[in-house]
């Protein structure tokens, strides 16, 4: 199951450089994960200070 960024996101940007397939981008109020490109590695979740990346 692909990851998505929940409303808990504080837009700190910690997750974006950790994604090995560059599927995380800055959105209007939070970061966004392209579910079609996500390889479900969990790298984003492991660095997020507020546990915003979650699996669908």
N, C-alpha and C. Protein backbone atom coordinates (compact mmCIF):
# COMPACT_ATOMS: atom_id res chain seq x y z
N UNK A 1 0.84 -1.19 0.00
CA UNK A 1 0.00 0.00 0.00
C UNK A 1 0.88 1.24 0.00
N UNK A 2 0.59 2.15 -0.88
CA UNK A 2 1.36 3.38 -0.99
C UNK A 2 1.16 4.26 0.25
N UNK A 3 2.13 5.10 0.50
CA UNK A 3 2.04 6.05 1.60
C UNK A 3 1.31 7.30 1.14
N UNK A 4 0.75 8.04 2.08
CA UNK A 4 0.17 9.35 1.82
C UNK A 4 0.53 10.22 3.02
N UNK A 5 0.47 11.52 2.84
CA UNK A 5 0.79 12.46 3.91
C UNK A 5 -0.51 12.92 4.54
N UNK A 6 -0.64 12.69 5.84
CA UNK A 6 -1.87 13.08 6.55
C UNK A 6 -1.88 14.57 6.87
N UNK A 7 -2.97 15.02 7.45
CA UNK A 7 -3.13 16.42 7.84
C UNK A 7 -2.18 16.82 8.96
N UNK A 8 -1.49 15.86 9.55
CA UNK A 8 -0.54 16.16 10.62
C UNK A 8 0.72 16.84 10.10
N UNK A 9 0.91 16.84 8.79
CA UNK A 9 2.12 17.41 8.16
C UNK A 9 2.33 18.86 8.58
N UNK A 10 3.57 19.17 8.99
CA UNK A 10 3.92 20.53 9.38
C UNK A 10 4.81 21.20 8.32
N UNK A 11 4.93 20.58 7.16
CA UNK A 11 5.71 21.11 6.02
C UNK A 11 7.16 21.39 6.37
N UNK A 12 7.77 20.51 7.15
CA UNK A 12 9.17 20.71 7.55
C UNK A 12 10.13 20.32 6.42
N UNK A 13 9.68 19.44 5.52
CA UNK A 13 10.52 19.04 4.39
C UNK A 13 11.47 17.90 4.66
N UNK A 14 11.43 17.31 5.83
CA UNK A 14 12.35 16.22 6.17
C UNK A 14 12.17 15.00 5.28
N UNK A 15 10.97 14.76 4.83
CA UNK A 15 10.67 13.55 4.05
C UNK A 15 11.14 13.62 2.61
N UNK A 16 11.05 14.78 2.00
CA UNK A 16 11.32 14.92 0.57
C UNK A 16 12.69 14.38 0.14
N UNK A 17 13.79 14.76 0.79
CA UNK A 17 15.10 14.26 0.33
C UNK A 17 15.33 12.78 0.63
N UNK A 18 14.54 12.20 1.51
CA UNK A 18 14.71 10.79 1.87
C UNK A 18 14.08 9.83 0.87
N UNK A 19 13.17 10.31 0.05
CA UNK A 19 12.47 9.44 -0.90
C UNK A 19 13.41 9.01 -2.03
N UNK A 20 13.65 7.70 -2.17
CA UNK A 20 14.58 7.23 -3.20
C UNK A 20 14.05 7.35 -4.63
N UNK A 21 12.75 7.56 -4.79
CA UNK A 21 12.17 7.69 -6.13
C UNK A 21 11.61 9.09 -6.39
N UNK A 22 11.89 10.01 -5.49
CA UNK A 22 11.49 11.43 -5.63
C UNK A 22 10.01 11.61 -5.91
N UNK A 23 9.17 10.90 -5.16
CA UNK A 23 7.73 11.03 -5.38
C UNK A 23 7.05 11.97 -4.38
N UNK A 24 7.84 12.67 -3.55
CA UNK A 24 7.29 13.60 -2.58
C UNK A 24 7.58 15.02 -3.04
N UNK A 25 6.52 15.84 -3.07
CA UNK A 25 6.66 17.24 -3.48
C UNK A 25 5.93 18.14 -2.49
N UNK A 26 6.31 19.40 -2.48
CA UNK A 26 5.65 20.37 -1.62
C UNK A 26 4.31 20.74 -2.22
N UNK A 27 3.27 20.63 -1.43
CA UNK A 27 1.94 21.05 -1.85
C UNK A 27 1.63 22.43 -1.32
N UNK A 28 0.39 22.85 -1.40
CA UNK A 28 0.00 24.18 -0.93
C UNK A 28 0.17 24.34 0.58
N UNK A 29 -0.30 23.35 1.33
CA UNK A 29 -0.21 23.46 2.79
C UNK A 29 0.51 22.28 3.44
N UNK A 30 0.88 21.29 2.64
CA UNK A 30 1.56 20.11 3.16
C UNK A 30 2.28 19.40 2.01
N UNK A 31 3.15 18.49 2.35
CA UNK A 31 3.83 17.71 1.31
C UNK A 31 2.87 16.64 0.77
N UNK A 32 3.13 16.21 -0.46
CA UNK A 32 2.24 15.27 -1.15
C UNK A 32 3.06 14.13 -1.72
N UNK A 33 2.54 12.90 -1.63
CA UNK A 33 3.19 11.74 -2.19
C UNK A 33 2.42 11.27 -3.42
N UNK A 34 3.13 11.07 -4.52
CA UNK A 34 2.54 10.52 -5.73
C UNK A 34 2.38 9.02 -5.51
N UNK A 35 1.16 8.58 -5.26
CA UNK A 35 0.89 7.18 -4.92
C UNK A 35 1.29 6.22 -6.03
N UNK A 36 1.23 6.66 -7.27
CA UNK A 36 1.59 5.80 -8.39
C UNK A 36 3.10 5.55 -8.44
N UNK A 37 3.88 6.47 -7.92
CA UNK A 37 5.34 6.34 -7.94
C UNK A 37 5.91 5.77 -6.64
N UNK A 38 5.13 5.81 -5.57
CA UNK A 38 5.58 5.35 -4.26
C UNK A 38 5.93 3.86 -4.30
N UNK A 39 7.12 3.52 -3.76
CA UNK A 39 7.54 2.11 -3.72
C UNK A 39 7.35 1.50 -2.33
N UNK A 40 6.67 2.23 -1.45
CA UNK A 40 6.29 1.73 -0.13
C UNK A 40 7.49 1.36 0.74
N UNK A 41 8.59 2.11 0.63
CA UNK A 41 9.80 1.79 1.38
C UNK A 41 9.74 2.27 2.82
N UNK A 42 8.96 3.31 3.11
CA UNK A 42 8.84 3.83 4.46
C UNK A 42 9.92 4.80 4.87
N UNK A 43 10.79 5.18 3.96
CA UNK A 43 11.87 6.12 4.29
C UNK A 43 11.31 7.44 4.79
N UNK A 44 10.23 7.90 4.18
CA UNK A 44 9.61 9.16 4.59
C UNK A 44 9.07 9.08 6.01
N UNK A 45 8.43 7.98 6.32
CA UNK A 45 7.84 7.80 7.64
C UNK A 45 8.89 7.73 8.73
N UNK A 46 10.05 7.18 8.39
CA UNK A 46 11.09 7.02 9.41
C UNK A 46 11.74 8.33 9.83
N UNK A 47 11.63 9.39 9.02
CA UNK A 47 12.25 10.67 9.37
C UNK A 47 11.25 11.75 9.78
N UNK A 48 9.98 11.50 9.63
CA UNK A 48 8.97 12.51 9.92
C UNK A 48 8.81 12.73 11.44
N UNK A 49 8.97 13.98 11.89
CA UNK A 49 8.85 14.25 13.34
C UNK A 49 7.43 14.17 13.87
N UNK A 50 6.43 14.18 12.99
CA UNK A 50 5.04 14.13 13.45
C UNK A 50 4.27 12.93 12.92
N UNK A 51 4.99 11.97 12.34
CA UNK A 51 4.38 10.75 11.82
C UNK A 51 3.26 11.00 10.80
N UNK A 52 3.46 11.99 9.93
CA UNK A 52 2.45 12.33 8.93
C UNK A 52 2.34 11.31 7.79
N UNK A 53 3.45 10.71 7.31
CA UNK A 53 3.30 9.70 6.26
C UNK A 53 2.64 8.44 6.83
N UNK A 54 1.58 8.01 6.19
CA UNK A 54 0.85 6.82 6.63
C UNK A 54 0.58 5.95 5.41
N UNK A 55 0.41 4.66 5.65
CA UNK A 55 0.05 3.76 4.55
C UNK A 55 -1.45 3.77 4.36
N UNK A 56 -1.88 3.71 3.10
CA UNK A 56 -3.31 3.66 2.79
C UNK A 56 -3.85 2.30 3.11
